[in-house]
Structure formats: C-alpha cells, structure tokens
Amino acid sequence: MRASVGAARPGRPQLPRARGHLSGTVISWLRTGAGPAAERFYDEHVEADAVHEQVVRTEVVEGLLKDEPDLEPDVAFGIGATTQPL
C-alpha cells in the first residue's frame, strides 16, 4: 500500500509533439475526421499532464516524505515499478 504513493501519477503520460510533428494519436483522430480541434485538445492535455505531474511530485510525494521520511524506500519502489523508460 505504501509503495502506491510512488505510483501516483496522472494517468498515462502523453508525449509532446516532436519538432512540430503530429503524434500517432492526433494523426488517427484527424483520419477519422476530428479536425484541427483534435490537435488543440491534445496539445492542451499534454501541457496539463505535465503540470499535474509536477503537482503530484511537489505537493503529494515531497509532502509525504517530509512528514514520513521512513517511507522513502517504499515510494522509490513505487516510482521504479511504474516508470517505463522512453
């Protein structure tokens, strides 16, 4: 249970567009007729996900470890168990 704090993150990470290229997600949306609004939606949510990740890291995880430093190994385990290399 304690390691689950390290696993706390806002959903599946989204990748920003590399050098202006469309992601596979946006390309599939455009193919199905979603239109330019799909691009804006994706870009907005990539940015929001990055902000949410920082909030979890700074307000939840850091706060917990400040209050209960003995949980650091459990939190580190949770982070390692749920982080996939890119």
N, C-alpha and C. Protein backbone atom coordinates (compact mmCIF):
# COMPACT_ATOMS: atom_id res chain seq x y z
N MET A 1 0.82 -1.20 0.00
CA MET A 1 0.00 0.00 0.00
C MET A 1 0.86 1.26 0.00
N ARG A 2 1.91 1.28 0.84
CA ARG A 2 2.72 2.49 0.93
C ARG A 2 3.45 2.78 -0.38
N ALA A 3 3.84 1.74 -1.10
CA ALA A 3 4.52 1.95 -2.38
C ALA A 3 3.59 2.55 -3.42
N SER A 4 2.29 2.46 -3.19
CA SER A 4 1.35 3.00 -4.17
C SER A 4 1.46 4.51 -4.29
N VAL A 5 1.99 5.20 -3.28
CA VAL A 5 2.18 6.65 -3.39
C VAL A 5 3.18 6.95 -4.50
N GLY A 6 4.21 6.14 -4.61
CA GLY A 6 5.18 6.33 -5.68
C GLY A 6 4.59 6.08 -7.05
N ALA A 7 3.52 5.32 -7.08
CA ALA A 7 2.87 5.02 -8.36
C ALA A 7 1.86 6.09 -8.73
N ALA A 8 1.58 7.02 -7.83
CA ALA A 8 0.58 8.05 -8.10
C ALA A 8 1.07 8.99 -9.18
N ARG A 9 0.38 9.01 -10.24
CA ARG A 9 0.68 9.93 -11.33
C ARG A 9 -0.58 10.07 -12.16
N PRO A 10 -0.74 11.18 -12.80
CA PRO A 10 -1.98 11.43 -13.53
C PRO A 10 -2.07 10.66 -14.83
N GLY A 11 -2.56 9.47 -14.76
CA GLY A 11 -2.82 8.71 -15.98
C GLY A 11 -1.58 8.35 -16.77
N ARG A 12 -1.80 8.00 -17.98
CA ARG A 12 -0.75 7.60 -18.90
C ARG A 12 -0.04 8.85 -19.41
N PRO A 13 1.29 8.87 -19.34
CA PRO A 13 1.98 10.07 -19.81
C PRO A 13 1.78 10.29 -21.31
N GLN A 14 1.58 11.50 -21.69
CA GLN A 14 1.43 11.86 -23.10
C GLN A 14 2.71 12.52 -23.57
N LEU A 15 3.09 12.25 -24.77
CA LEU A 15 4.31 12.83 -25.32
C LEU A 15 3.98 14.08 -26.11
N PRO A 16 4.74 15.15 -25.88
CA PRO A 16 4.53 16.35 -26.70
C PRO A 16 4.94 16.07 -28.13
N ARG A 17 4.48 16.89 -29.03
CA ARG A 17 4.85 16.72 -30.43
C ARG A 17 6.33 17.03 -30.61
N ALA A 18 7.02 16.14 -31.27
CA ALA A 18 8.45 16.33 -31.52
C ALA A 18 8.65 17.20 -32.75
N ARG A 19 9.34 18.31 -32.55
CA ARG A 19 9.69 19.21 -33.66
C ARG A 19 8.50 19.52 -34.56
N GLY A 20 7.34 19.72 -33.97
CA GLY A 20 6.17 20.10 -34.75
C GLY A 20 5.46 18.95 -35.45
N HIS A 21 5.92 17.73 -35.27
CA HIS A 21 5.27 16.59 -35.90
C HIS A 21 4.04 16.18 -35.09
N LEU A 22 3.06 15.67 -35.78
CA LEU A 22 1.85 15.19 -35.11
C LEU A 22 2.10 13.83 -34.47
N SER A 23 1.52 13.61 -33.33
CA SER A 23 1.62 12.31 -32.68
C SER A 23 0.73 11.31 -33.40
N GLY A 24 0.97 10.04 -33.16
CA GLY A 24 0.12 9.00 -33.73
C GLY A 24 -1.33 9.14 -33.30
N THR A 25 -1.52 9.60 -32.06
CA THR A 25 -2.88 9.80 -31.56
C THR A 25 -3.60 10.85 -32.38
N VAL A 26 -2.95 11.99 -32.59
CA VAL A 26 -3.59 13.08 -33.35
C VAL A 26 -3.80 12.67 -34.80
N ILE A 27 -2.84 11.99 -35.39
CA ILE A 27 -2.99 11.53 -36.77
C ILE A 27 -4.22 10.63 -36.90
N SER A 28 -4.40 9.71 -35.95
CA SER A 28 -5.57 8.83 -36.03
C SER A 28 -6.86 9.61 -35.85
N TRP A 29 -6.85 10.62 -34.99
CA TRP A 29 -8.04 11.46 -34.83
C TRP A 29 -8.36 12.20 -36.12
N LEU A 30 -7.33 12.76 -36.75
CA LEU A 30 -7.55 13.51 -37.99
C LEU A 30 -8.06 12.60 -39.10
N ARG A 31 -7.57 11.36 -39.14
CA ARG A 31 -8.04 10.41 -40.15
C ARG A 31 -9.52 10.09 -40.00
N THR A 32 -10.00 10.17 -38.78
CA THR A 32 -11.41 9.86 -38.54
C THR A 32 -12.29 11.11 -38.58
N GLY A 33 -11.70 12.23 -39.01
CA GLY A 33 -12.48 13.45 -39.20
C GLY A 33 -12.59 14.36 -37.99
N ALA A 34 -11.71 14.20 -37.01
CA ALA A 34 -11.80 15.01 -35.80
C ALA A 34 -11.49 16.49 -36.05
N GLY A 35 -10.67 16.78 -37.05
CA GLY A 35 -10.37 18.17 -37.39
C GLY A 35 -9.31 18.80 -36.51
N PRO A 36 -9.00 20.08 -36.77
CA PRO A 36 -7.94 20.77 -36.06
C PRO A 36 -8.18 20.90 -34.55
N ALA A 37 -9.43 20.83 -34.14
CA ALA A 37 -9.73 20.89 -32.71
C ALA A 37 -9.05 19.74 -31.96
N ALA A 38 -8.87 18.61 -32.64
CA ALA A 38 -8.20 17.47 -32.02
C ALA A 38 -6.76 17.81 -31.68
N GLU A 39 -6.08 18.52 -32.57
CA GLU A 39 -4.70 18.95 -32.29
C GLU A 39 -4.65 19.84 -31.07
N ARG A 40 -5.54 20.82 -31.02
CA ARG A 40 -5.55 21.75 -29.88
C ARG A 40 -5.87 21.01 -28.58
N PHE A 41 -6.82 20.08 -28.64
CA PHE A 41 -7.18 19.28 -27.47
C PHE A 41 -5.97 18.50 -26.96
N TYR A 42 -5.28 17.83 -27.88
CA TYR A 42 -4.11 17.03 -27.50
C TYR A 42 -3.03 17.91 -26.88
N ASP A 43 -2.71 19.01 -27.55
CA ASP A 43 -1.66 19.91 -27.04
C ASP A 43 -2.00 20.43 -25.65
N GLU A 44 -3.25 20.81 -25.46
CA GLU A 44 -3.69 21.32 -24.15
C GLU A 44 -3.54 20.25 -23.07
N HIS A 45 -3.89 19.01 -23.40
CA HIS A 45 -3.82 17.95 -22.40
C HIS A 45 -2.39 17.50 -22.13
N VAL A 46 -1.52 17.58 -23.10
CA VAL A 46 -0.10 17.28 -22.84
C VAL A 46 0.44 18.28 -21.83
N GLU A 47 0.12 19.55 -22.02
CA GLU A 47 0.58 20.58 -21.09
C GLU A 47 -0.03 20.37 -19.70
N ALA A 48 -1.32 20.08 -19.65
CA ALA A 48 -1.98 19.85 -18.35
C ALA A 48 -1.39 18.64 -17.64
N ASP A 49 -1.10 17.57 -18.38
CA ASP A 49 -0.49 16.39 -17.76
C ASP A 49 0.85 16.73 -17.13
N ALA A 50 1.64 17.56 -17.79
CA ALA A 50 2.94 17.96 -17.24
C ALA A 50 2.76 18.74 -15.94
N VAL A 51 1.78 19.62 -15.91
CA VAL A 51 1.51 20.38 -14.69
C VAL A 51 1.04 19.46 -13.57
N HIS A 52 0.15 18.53 -13.89
CA HIS A 52 -0.36 17.60 -12.88
C HIS A 52 0.77 16.73 -12.32
N GLU A 53 1.68 16.31 -13.18
CA GLU A 53 2.81 15.51 -12.72
C GLU A 53 3.64 16.29 -11.70
N GLN A 54 3.86 17.56 -11.98
CA GLN A 54 4.63 18.39 -11.05
C GLN A 54 3.89 18.58 -9.73
N VAL A 55 2.59 18.74 -9.78
CA VAL A 55 1.80 18.89 -8.55
C VAL A 55 1.90 17.63 -7.70
N VAL A 56 1.75 16.48 -8.32
CA VAL A 56 1.87 15.22 -7.58
C VAL A 56 3.25 15.11 -6.95
N ARG A 57 4.27 15.42 -7.74
CA ARG A 57 5.63 15.30 -7.25
C ARG A 57 5.91 16.26 -6.09
N THR A 58 5.56 17.53 -6.26
CA THR A 58 5.93 18.53 -5.26
C THR A 58 4.98 18.60 -4.08
N GLU A 59 3.70 18.42 -4.31
CA GLU A 59 2.75 18.59 -3.22
C GLU A 59 2.38 17.29 -2.53
N VAL A 60 2.36 16.20 -3.25
CA VAL A 60 1.96 14.93 -2.64
C VAL A 60 3.18 14.16 -2.16
N VAL A 61 4.06 13.80 -3.07
CA VAL A 61 5.19 12.95 -2.72
C VAL A 61 6.16 13.68 -1.79
N GLU A 62 6.57 14.90 -2.14
CA GLU A 62 7.51 15.62 -1.28
C GLU A 62 6.90 15.89 0.10
N GLY A 63 5.62 16.23 0.14
CA GLY A 63 4.96 16.46 1.42
C GLY A 63 4.92 15.21 2.28
N LEU A 64 4.61 14.08 1.66
CA LEU A 64 4.58 12.82 2.39
C LEU A 64 5.96 12.49 2.95
N LEU A 65 6.99 12.61 2.11
CA LEU A 65 8.33 12.26 2.55
C LEU A 65 8.86 13.23 3.61
N LYS A 66 8.41 14.46 3.56
CA LYS A 66 8.80 15.42 4.60
C LYS A 66 8.20 15.00 5.94
N ASP A 67 6.93 14.57 5.91
CA ASP A 67 6.25 14.15 7.13
C ASP A 67 6.67 12.76 7.60
N GLU A 68 6.96 11.88 6.64
CA GLU A 68 7.29 10.49 6.98
C GLU A 68 8.50 10.02 6.16
N PRO A 69 9.70 10.49 6.51
CA PRO A 69 10.89 10.17 5.71
C PRO A 69 11.21 8.67 5.65
N ASP A 70 10.72 7.90 6.60
CA ASP A 70 10.97 6.46 6.58
C ASP A 70 10.27 5.76 5.42
N LEU A 71 9.36 6.45 4.75
CA LEU A 71 8.65 5.86 3.61
C LEU A 71 9.43 5.98 2.30
N GLU A 72 10.56 6.65 2.32
CA GLU A 72 11.30 6.89 1.08
C GLU A 72 11.58 5.61 0.28
N PRO A 73 12.05 4.51 0.91
CA PRO A 73 12.28 3.29 0.11
C PRO A 73 11.01 2.77 -0.57
N ASP A 74 9.88 2.86 0.13
CA ASP A 74 8.62 2.39 -0.45
C ASP A 74 8.19 3.27 -1.63
N VAL A 75 8.33 4.57 -1.46
CA VAL A 75 7.96 5.50 -2.54
C VAL A 75 8.87 5.29 -3.74
N ALA A 76 10.17 5.13 -3.49
CA ALA A 76 11.12 4.89 -4.58
C ALA A 76 10.77 3.60 -5.31
N PHE A 77 10.39 2.57 -4.56
CA PHE A 77 9.99 1.32 -5.19
C PHE A 77 8.76 1.53 -6.08
N GLY A 78 7.77 2.25 -5.57
CA GLY A 78 6.56 2.52 -6.35
C GLY A 78 6.85 3.28 -7.63
N ILE A 79 7.75 4.26 -7.54
CA ILE A 79 8.12 5.02 -8.74
C ILE A 79 8.82 4.11 -9.74
N GLY A 80 9.77 3.32 -9.26
CA GLY A 80 10.50 2.42 -10.15
C GLY A 80 9.62 1.37 -10.79
N ALA A 81 8.64 0.89 -10.04
CA ALA A 81 7.76 -0.17 -10.54
C ALA A 81 6.78 0.34 -11.60
N THR A 82 6.54 1.64 -11.63
CA THR A 82 5.55 2.16 -12.57
C THR A 82 6.13 3.08 -13.63
N THR A 83 7.44 3.22 -13.64
CA THR A 83 8.08 4.09 -14.62
C THR A 83 8.64 3.23 -15.74
N GLN A 84 8.28 3.59 -16.96
CA GLN A 84 8.78 2.86 -18.12
C GLN A 84 9.77 3.75 -18.85
N PRO A 85 10.93 3.21 -19.22
CA PRO A 85 11.88 4.02 -19.97
C PRO A 85 11.32 4.38 -21.34
N LEU A 86 11.67 5.58 -21.79
CA LEU A 86 11.21 6.02 -23.12
C LEU A 86 12.13 5.53 -24.19
